[in-house]
C-alpha atoms as a PDB file:
ATOM      1  CA  PRO A   1      83.964  82.111 112.524  1.00  0.00           C
ATOM      2  CA  MET A   2      82.845  82.376 108.894  1.00  0.00           C
ATOM      3  CA  GLY A   3      85.944  84.192 107.616  1.00  0.00           C
ATOM      4  CA  HIS A   4      86.059  86.088 104.337  1.00  0.00           C
ATOM      5  CA  GLU A   5      83.635  83.675 102.684  1.00  0.00           C
ATOM      6  CA  PHE A   6      80.715  85.069 104.662  1.00  0.00           C
ATOM      7  CA  THR A   7      81.000  88.098 102.355  1.00  0.00           C
ATOM      8  CA  SER A   8      80.930  85.741  99.362  1.00  0.00           C
ATOM      9  CA  LEU A   9      77.705  84.155 100.662  1.00  0.00           C
ATOM     10  CA  VAL A  10      75.986  87.510 101.203  1.00  0.00           C
ATOM     11  CA  LEU A  11      77.087  88.777  97.783  1.00  0.00           C
ATOM     12  CA  ALA A  12      75.827  85.609  96.075  1.00  0.00           C
ATOM     13  CA  LEU A  13      72.421  85.998  97.766  1.00  0.00           C
ATOM     14  CA  LEU A  14      72.212  89.600  96.582  1.00  0.00           C
ATOM     15  CA  GLN A  15      73.124  88.680  93.012  1.00  0.00           C
ATOM     16  CA  VAL A  16      70.629  85.810  92.897  1.00  0.00           C
ATOM     17  CA  GLY A  17      68.030  88.340  94.050  1.00  0.00           C
ATOM     18  CA  GLY A  18      68.840  90.611  91.114  1.00  0.00           C
ATOM     19  CA  HIS A  19      71.351  93.012  92.664  1.00  0.00           C
ATOM     20  CA  PRO A  20      73.491  94.289  89.745  1.00  0.00           C
ATOM     21  CA  SER A  21      77.164  93.371  89.589  1.00  0.00           C
ATOM     22  CA  LYS A  22      79.904  95.980  89.197  1.00  0.00           C
ATOM     23  CA  THR A  23      81.628  93.736  86.653  1.00  0.00           C
ATOM     24  CA  ALA A  24      82.193  95.391  83.267  1.00  0.00           C
ATOM     25  CA  PRO A  25      79.188  94.958  80.898  1.00  0.00           C
ATOM     26  CA  GLU A  26      81.310  93.343  78.160  1.00  0.00           C
ATOM     27  CA  VAL A  27      82.543  90.699  80.635  1.00  0.00           C
ATOM     28  CA  ILE A  28      78.980  89.974  81.742  1.00  0.00           C
ATOM     29  CA  GLU A  29      77.922  89.481  78.111  1.00  0.00           C
ATOM     30  CA  GLN A  30      80.861  87.146  77.495  1.00  0.00           C
ATOM     31  CA  ILE A  31      79.859  85.071  80.522  1.00  0.00           C
ATOM     32  CA  ARG A  32      76.263  84.827  79.321  1.00  0.00           C
ATOM     33  CA  ALA A  33      77.414  83.772  75.850  1.00  0.00           C
ATOM     34  CA  LEU A  34      79.491  80.795  77.029  1.00  0.00           C
ATOM     35  CA  ASP A  35      78.320  77.490  75.535  1.00  0.00           C
ATOM     36  CA  GLY A  36      78.770  74.076  77.111  1.00  0.00           C
ATOM     37  CA  ASP A  37      78.309  72.711  80.607  1.00  0.00           C
ATOM     38  CA  TYR A  38      80.715  73.846  83.305  1.00  0.00           C
ATOM     39  CA  SER A  39      80.698  72.356  86.790  1.00  0.00           C
ATOM     40  CA  PHE A  40      83.221  74.142  89.018  1.00  0.00           C
ATOM     41  CA  GLU A  41      84.432  73.200  92.497  1.00  0.00           C
ATOM     42  CA  THR A  42      86.607  75.584  94.490  1.00  0.00           C
ATOM     43  CA  TYR A  43      88.502  74.419  97.577  1.00  0.00           C
ATOM     44  CA  PHE A  44      89.154  77.298  99.976  1.00  0.00           C
ATOM     45  CA  SER A  45      90.128  77.990 103.572  1.00  0.00           C
ATOM     46  CA  LEU A  46      88.618  80.608 105.853  1.00  0.00           C
ATOM     47  CA  SER A  47      92.019  82.273 106.329  1.00  0.00           C
ATOM     48  CA  CYS A  48      92.838  82.433 102.607  1.00  0.00           C
ATOM     49  CA  GLN A  49      93.119  86.019 101.359  1.00  0.00           C
ATOM     50  CA  ASN A  50      92.942  85.115  97.653  1.00  0.00           C
ATOM     51  CA  CYS A  51      90.029  82.680  97.870  1.00  0.00           C
ATOM     52  CA  PRO A  52      87.111  85.152  98.030  1.00  0.00           C
ATOM     53  CA  ASP A  53      87.961  86.685  94.636  1.00  0.00           C
ATOM     54  CA  VAL A  54      87.817  83.270  92.975  1.00  0.00           C
ATOM     55  CA  VAL A  55      84.688  82.137  94.829  1.00  0.00           C
ATOM     56  CA  GLN A  56      82.878  85.401  94.070  1.00  0.00           C
ATOM     57  CA  ALA A  57      83.899  85.333  90.398  1.00  0.00           C
ATOM     58  CA  LEU A  58      82.585  81.797  89.898  1.00  0.00           C
ATOM     59  CA  ASN A  59      79.437  82.506  91.910  1.00  0.00           C
ATOM     60  CA  LEU A  60      78.684  85.442  89.637  1.00  0.00           C
ATOM     61  CA  MET A  61      79.293  83.345  86.530  1.00  0.00           C
ATOM     62  CA  ALA A  62      76.880  80.712  87.854  1.00  0.00           C
ATOM     63  CA  VAL A  63      74.239  83.381  88.486  1.00  0.00           C
ATOM     64  CA  LEU A  64      74.598  84.828  84.970  1.00  0.00           C
ATOM     65  CA  ASN A  65      74.774  81.598  82.977  1.00  0.00           C
ATOM     66  CA  PRO A  66      72.536  78.562  83.736  1.00  0.00           C
ATOM     67  CA  ASN A  67      75.122  76.269  82.091  1.00  0.00           C
ATOM     68  CA  ILE A  68      77.618  77.095  84.860  1.00  0.00           C
ATOM     69  CA  LYS A  69      77.463  75.537  88.325  1.00  0.00           C
ATOM     70  CA  HIS A  70      79.757  76.289  91.237  1.00  0.00           C
ATOM     71  CA  VAL A  71      80.344  74.599  94.595  1.00  0.00           C
ATOM     72  CA  ALA A  72      82.628  76.269  97.153  1.00  0.00           C
ATOM     73  CA  ILE A  73      84.218  73.734  99.525  1.00  0.00           C
ATOM     74  CA  ASP A  74      85.881  74.479 102.850  1.00  0.00           C
ATOM     75  CA  GLY A  75      88.883  72.190 102.743  1.00  0.00           C
ATOM     76  CA  ALA A  76      89.073  72.012 106.542  1.00  0.00           C
ATOM     77  CA  LEU A  77      85.665  70.295 106.625  1.00  0.00           C
ATOM     78  CA  PHE A  78      86.338  67.866 103.782  1.00  0.00           C
ATOM     79  CA  GLN A  79      89.801  66.530 104.538  1.00  0.00           C
ATOM     80  CA  ASP A  80      89.143  63.224 102.755  1.00  0.00           C
ATOM     81  CA  GLU A  81      88.539  65.063  99.474  1.00  0.00           C
ATOM     82  CA  VAL A  82      91.582  67.285  99.994  1.00  0.00           C
ATOM     83  CA  GLU A  83      93.790  64.256 100.568  1.00  0.00           C
ATOM     84  CA  ALA A  84      92.284  62.264  97.692  1.00  0.00           C
ATOM     85  CA  ARG A  85      92.896  65.130  95.270  1.00  0.00           C
ATOM     86  CA  GLN A  86      96.281  65.941  96.822  1.00  0.00           C
ATOM     87  CA  ILE A  87      95.384  69.613  97.234  1.00  0.00           C
ATOM     88  CA  MET A  88      98.427  71.456  98.549  1.00  0.00           C
ATOM     89  CA  SER A  89      97.248  75.075  98.287  1.00  0.00           C
ATOM     90  CA  VAL A  90      94.067  77.115  98.024  1.00  0.00           C
ATOM     91  CA  PRO A  91      92.200  78.272  96.128  1.00  0.00           C
ATOM     92  CA  SER A  92      92.235  75.134  93.970  1.00  0.00           C
ATOM     93  CA  ILE A  93      89.650  75.104  91.194  1.00  0.00           C
ATOM     94  CA  TYR A  94      88.305  71.971  89.527  1.00  0.00           C
ATOM     95  CA  LEU A  95      86.259  71.982  86.322  1.00  0.00           C
ATOM     96  CA  ASN A  96      84.133  68.917  85.494  1.00  0.00           C
ATOM     97  CA  GLY A  97      86.204  66.836  87.913  1.00  0.00           C
ATOM     98  CA  GLU A  98      89.642  67.878  86.609  1.00  0.00           C
ATOM     99  CA  LEU A  99      92.081  70.425  88.042  1.00  0.00           C
ATOM    100  CA  PHE A 100      91.456  73.723  86.257  1.00  0.00           C
ATOM    101  CA  THR A 101      93.862  76.086  87.996  1.00  0.00           C
ATOM    102  CA  GLN A 102      95.162  77.311  91.352  1.00  0.00           C
ATOM    103  CA  GLY A 103      95.519  80.790  92.811  1.00  0.00           C
ATOM    104  CA  ARG A 104      93.744  84.094  92.420  1.00  0.00           C
ATOM    105  CA  MET A 105      91.700  84.583  89.227  1.00  0.00           C
ATOM    106  CA  SER A 106      89.205  87.189  88.071  1.00  0.00           C
ATOM    107  CA  GLU A 107      86.175  86.595  85.864  1.00  0.00           C
ATOM    108  CA  GLU A 108      88.176  87.812  82.859  1.00  0.00           C
ATOM    109  CA  GLU A 109      91.062  85.440  83.553  1.00  0.00           C
ATOM    110  CA  ILE A 110      88.683  82.498  83.968  1.00  0.00           C
ATOM    111  CA  LEU A 111      86.926  83.419  80.716  1.00  0.00           C
ATOM    112  CA  ALA A 112      90.224  83.681  78.849  1.00  0.00           C
ATOM    113  CA  LYS A 113      91.119  80.155  79.982  1.00  0.00           C
ATOM    114  CA  LEU A 114      87.690  78.770  79.022  1.00  0.00           C
ATOM    115  CA  ASP A 115      87.254  80.624  75.735  1.00  0.00           C
ATOM    116  CA  THR A 116      90.336  79.694  73.727  1.00  0.00           C
ATOM    117  CA  GLY A 117      89.457  82.048  70.884  1.00  0.00           C
ATOM    118  CA  SER A 118      89.164  85.107  73.101  1.00  0.00           C
ATOM    119  CA  SER A 119      92.835  86.077  72.743  1.00  0.00           C
ATOM    120  CA  ALA A 120      92.593  86.338  68.955  1.00  0.00           C
ATOM    121  CA  ARG A 121      89.336  88.292  69.205  1.00  0.00           C
ATOM    122  CA  ASP A 122      90.906  90.653  71.742  1.00  0.00           C
ATOM    123  CA  ALA A 123      93.813  91.276  69.369  1.00  0.00           C
ATOM    124  CA  GLU A 124      91.433  92.197  66.557  1.00  0.00           C
ATOM    125  CA  LYS A 125      89.464  94.500  68.855  1.00  0.00           C
ATOM    126  CA  LEU A 126      92.651  96.327  69.817  1.00  0.00           C
ATOM    127  CA  LYS A 127      93.646  96.841  66.194  1.00  0.00           C
ATOM    128  CA  ALA A 128      90.202  98.260  65.413  1.00  0.00           C
ATOM    129  CA  LYS A 129      90.339 100.961  68.106  1.00  0.00           C
ATOM    130  CA  ASP A 130      90.975 104.588  67.187  1.00  0.00           C
ATOM    131  CA  ALA A 131      94.167 106.247  68.398  1.00  0.00           C
ATOM    132  CA  PHE A 132      94.232 107.422  72.022  1.00  0.00           C
ATOM    133  CA  ASP A 133      95.442 110.842  73.106  1.00  0.00           C
ATOM    134  CA  VAL A 134      96.871 109.124  76.191  1.00  0.00           C
ATOM    135  CA  LEU A 135      97.451 105.383  76.473  1.00  0.00           C
ATOM    136  CA  VAL A 136      98.490 104.187  79.939  1.00  0.00           C
ATOM    137  CA  VAL A 137     100.277 100.839  80.007  1.00  0.00           C
ATOM    138  CA  GLY A 138      99.782  99.269  83.426  1.00  0.00           C
ATOM    139  CA  GLY A 139      96.849  99.333  85.826  1.00  0.00           C
ATOM    140  CA  GLY A 140      98.491  99.862  89.198  1.00  0.00           C
ATOM    141  CA  PRO A 141      98.032 102.955  91.388  1.00  0.00           C
ATOM    142  CA  ALA A 142     100.312 105.054  89.137  1.00  0.00           C
ATOM    143  CA  GLY A 143      98.438 103.968  86.026  1.00  0.00           C
ATOM    144  CA  ALA A 144      95.078 104.691  87.644  1.00  0.00           C
ATOM    145  CA  ALA A 145      96.226 108.160  88.710  1.00  0.00           C
ATOM    146  CA  ALA A 146      97.569 108.933  85.226  1.00  0.00           C
ATOM    147  CA  ALA A 147      94.311 107.822  83.609  1.00  0.00           C
ATOM    148  CA  ILE A 148      92.171 109.929  85.949  1.00  0.00           C
ATOM    149  CA  TYR A 149      94.285 113.052  85.462  1.00  0.00           C
ATOM    150  CA  ALA A 150      94.174 112.614  81.671  1.00  0.00           C
ATOM    151  CA  ALA A 151      90.445 111.816  81.496  1.00  0.00           C
ATOM    152  CA  ARG A 152      89.566 114.815  83.654  1.00  0.00           C
ATOM    153  CA  LYS A 153      91.034 117.009  80.922  1.00  0.00           C
ATOM    154  CA  GLY A 154      88.503 115.576  78.488  1.00  0.00           C
ATOM    155  CA  ILE A 155      91.003 113.783  76.269  1.00  0.00           C
ATOM    156  CA  ARG A 156      90.638 110.262  74.886  1.00  0.00           C
ATOM    157  CA  THR A 157      92.271 107.933  77.430  1.00  0.00           C
ATOM    158  CA  GLY A 158      92.919 104.200  77.512  1.00  0.00           C
ATOM    159  CA  VAL A 159      94.446 101.825  80.072  1.00  0.00           C
ATOM    160  CA  ALA A 160      95.970  98.533  78.917  1.00  0.00           C
ATOM    161  CA  ALA A 161      96.893  96.236  81.791  1.00  0.00           C
ATOM    162  CA  GLU A 162      97.576  92.573  82.402  1.00  0.00           C
ATOM    163  CA  ARG A 163      95.226  92.935  85.386  1.00  0.00           C
ATOM    164  CA  PHE A 164      93.891  96.159  86.810  1.00  0.00           C
ATOM    165  CA  GLY A 165      95.410  96.787  90.226  1.00  0.00           C
ATOM    166  CA  GLY A 166      98.777  95.237  89.396  1.00  0.00           C
ATOM    167  CA  GLN A 167     100.854  93.972  92.314  1.00  0.00           C
ATOM    168  CA  VAL A 168      98.513  95.708  94.750  1.00  0.00           C
ATOM    169  CA  LEU A 169      96.179  92.735  94.225  1.00  0.00           C
ATOM    170  CA  ASP A 170      98.765  90.490  95.872  1.00  0.00           C
ATOM    171  CA  THR A 171      99.401  92.808  98.834  1.00  0.00           C
ATOM    172  CA  MET A 172      97.254  92.186 101.862  1.00  0.00           C
ATOM    173  CA  ALA A 173      98.145  94.740 104.543  1.00  0.00           C
ATOM    174  CA  ILE A 174      98.737  98.310 103.309  1.00  0.00           C
ATOM    175  CA  GLU A 175      99.595 100.820 106.023  1.00  0.00           C
ATOM    176  CA  ASN A 176     101.655 103.441 104.136  1.00  0.00           C
ATOM    177  CA  PHE A 177      98.939 104.858 101.863  1.00  0.00           C
ATOM    178  CA  ILE A 178      98.639 108.474 102.923  1.00  0.00           C
ATOM    179  CA  SER A 179      95.278 109.382 104.565  1.00  0.00           C
ATOM    180  CA  VAL A 180      94.260 105.703 104.873  1.00  0.00           C
ATOM    181  CA  LYS A 181      95.492 104.160 108.118  1.00  0.00           C
ATOM    182  CA  GLU A 182      95.061 100.571 106.969  1.00  0.00           C
ATOM    183  CA  THR A 183      93.531  98.739 104.018  1.00  0.00           C
ATOM    184  CA  GLU A 184      93.911  95.559 101.963  1.00  0.00           C
ATOM    185  CA  GLY A 185      95.333  95.362  98.447  1.00  0.00           C
ATOM    186  CA  PRO A 186      92.306  93.848  96.667  1.00  0.00           C
ATOM    187  CA  LYS A 187      90.020  96.383  98.353  1.00  0.00           C
ATOM    188  CA  LEU A 188      92.257  99.268  97.233  1.00  0.00           C
ATOM    189  CA  ALA A 189      92.467  97.856  93.693  1.00  0.00           C
ATOM    190  CA  ARG A 190      88.661  97.683  93.442  1.00  0.00           C
ATOM    191  CA  ALA A 191      88.376 101.269  94.667  1.00  0.00           C
ATOM    192  CA  LEU A 192      90.959 102.413  92.110  1.00  0.00           C
ATOM    193  CA  GLU A 193      89.098 100.731  89.261  1.00  0.00           C
ATOM    194  CA  GLU A 194      85.744 102.132  90.379  1.00  0.00           C
ATOM    195  CA  HIS A 195      87.284 105.622  90.465  1.00  0.00           C
ATOM    196  CA  VAL A 196      88.778 105.264  86.981  1.00  0.00           C
ATOM    197  CA  ARG A 197      85.469 103.990  85.578  1.00  0.00           C
ATOM    198  CA  GLU A 198      83.777 107.190  86.753  1.00  0.00           C
ATOM    199  CA  TYR A 199      85.431 108.783  83.717  1.00  0.00           C
ATOM    200  CA  GLU A 200      85.463 108.037  79.988  1.00  0.00           C
ATOM    201  CA  VAL A 201      88.416 105.657  80.211  1.00  0.00           C
ATOM    202  CA  ASP A 202      88.717 102.557  78.026  1.00  0.00           C
ATOM    203  CA  ILE A 203      90.057  99.829  80.356  1.00  0.00           C
ATOM    204  CA  MET A 204      91.554  96.845  78.510  1.00  0.00           C
ATOM    205  CA  ASN A 205      92.484  93.973  80.832  1.00  0.00           C
ATOM    206  CA  LEU A 206      94.520  90.805  80.116  1.00  0.00           C
ATOM    207  CA  GLN A 207      96.830  92.814  77.863  1.00  0.00           C
ATOM    208  CA  ARG A 208     100.571  92.272  78.321  1.00  0.00           C
ATOM    209  CA  ALA A 209     102.651  94.814  76.383  1.00  0.00           C
ATOM    210  CA  SER A 210     105.596  93.402  74.445  1.00  0.00           C
ATOM    211  CA  GLN A 211     107.002  96.332  72.458  1.00  0.00           C
ATOM    212  CA  LEU A 212     106.848 100.124  72.134  1.00  0.00           C
ATOM    213  CA  ILE A 213     107.266 101.369  68.572  1.00  0.00           C
ATOM    214  CA  PRO A 214     108.268 105.066  68.306  1.00  0.00           C
ATOM    215  CA  ALA A 215     106.158 107.416  66.206  1.00  0.00           C
ATOM    216  CA  GLY A 216     106.379 107.056  62.446  1.00  0.00           C
ATOM    217  CA  GLU A 217     105.246 109.368  59.671  1.00  0.00           C
ATOM    218  CA  ASP A 218     101.745 109.618  61.144  1.00  0.00           C
ATOM    219  CA  GLY A 219     103.176 110.939  64.424  1.00  0.00           C
ATOM    220  CA  LEU A 220     101.640 108.114  66.498  1.00  0.00           C
ATOM    221  CA  HIS A 221     103.478 105.861  68.926  1.00  0.00           C
ATOM    222  CA  ARG A 222     102.369 102.211  68.909  1.00  0.00           C
ATOM    223  CA  VAL A 223     102.250  99.561  71.616  1.00  0.00           C
ATOM    224  CA  GLN A 224     102.249  95.912  70.603  1.00  0.00           C
ATOM    225  CA  PHE A 225     100.866  93.161  72.853  1.00  0.00           C
ATOM    226  CA  GLU A 226     101.683  89.490  73.306  1.00  0.00           C
ATOM    227  CA  ASN A 227      98.340  88.420  71.805  1.00  0.00           C
ATOM    228  CA  GLY A 228      99.258  90.152  68.524  1.00  0.00           C
ATOM    229  CA  GLY A 229      97.131  93.236  69.102  1.00  0.00           C
ATOM    230  CA  GLU A 230      98.320  96.806  68.725  1.00  0.00           C
ATOM    231  CA  LEU A 231      97.233 100.189  70.070  1.00  0.00           C
ATOM    232  CA  LYS A 232      98.276 103.679  69.118  1.00  0.00           C
END
């Protein structure tokens, strides 16, 4: 059996052939702008639920930027390498021969780790944004629902989240979502984000809120973030 990674293979073939990615345009541009040479290796297992997200993210980055290369390795078939590198869990990601990280990561999270100046730039971008009529902090199902309801009224809406989907991304079997007999967390999270993006909603990922400042003389509440940015 090919497991979840058969989907990764098919998706990579489509993207190499020019099939457009659903990744946000600003993330795609950031990937294309990366300088340097990056050779990634991802160790996965066919039963790993978190591995496909990492493999697909790095495959896409390799398709978009010729300076990025990615090899996905089934640990069960290369036990000597697994033992030599003392790999205890998957996905395990190596960059240019050194351990880069372990666990689920999106394109944005990988970029943030590669591009050390991105956090400061993100903070400046937040400060430069106009005030929102509705700012949703958190990108789980409740945050997605709030954003859709607000955006449908035609008001300026933003979502600031550490990662869109929240804890749903770490939940595999979901059987209590009304009208859906069974689904998987990452699949539901992708559907939520696609639904939100159907509207004029400004989604800001990798943003961890640190403080809510009540409205001052201008009547605007403010949210501060760990990277130093601020939204109102």
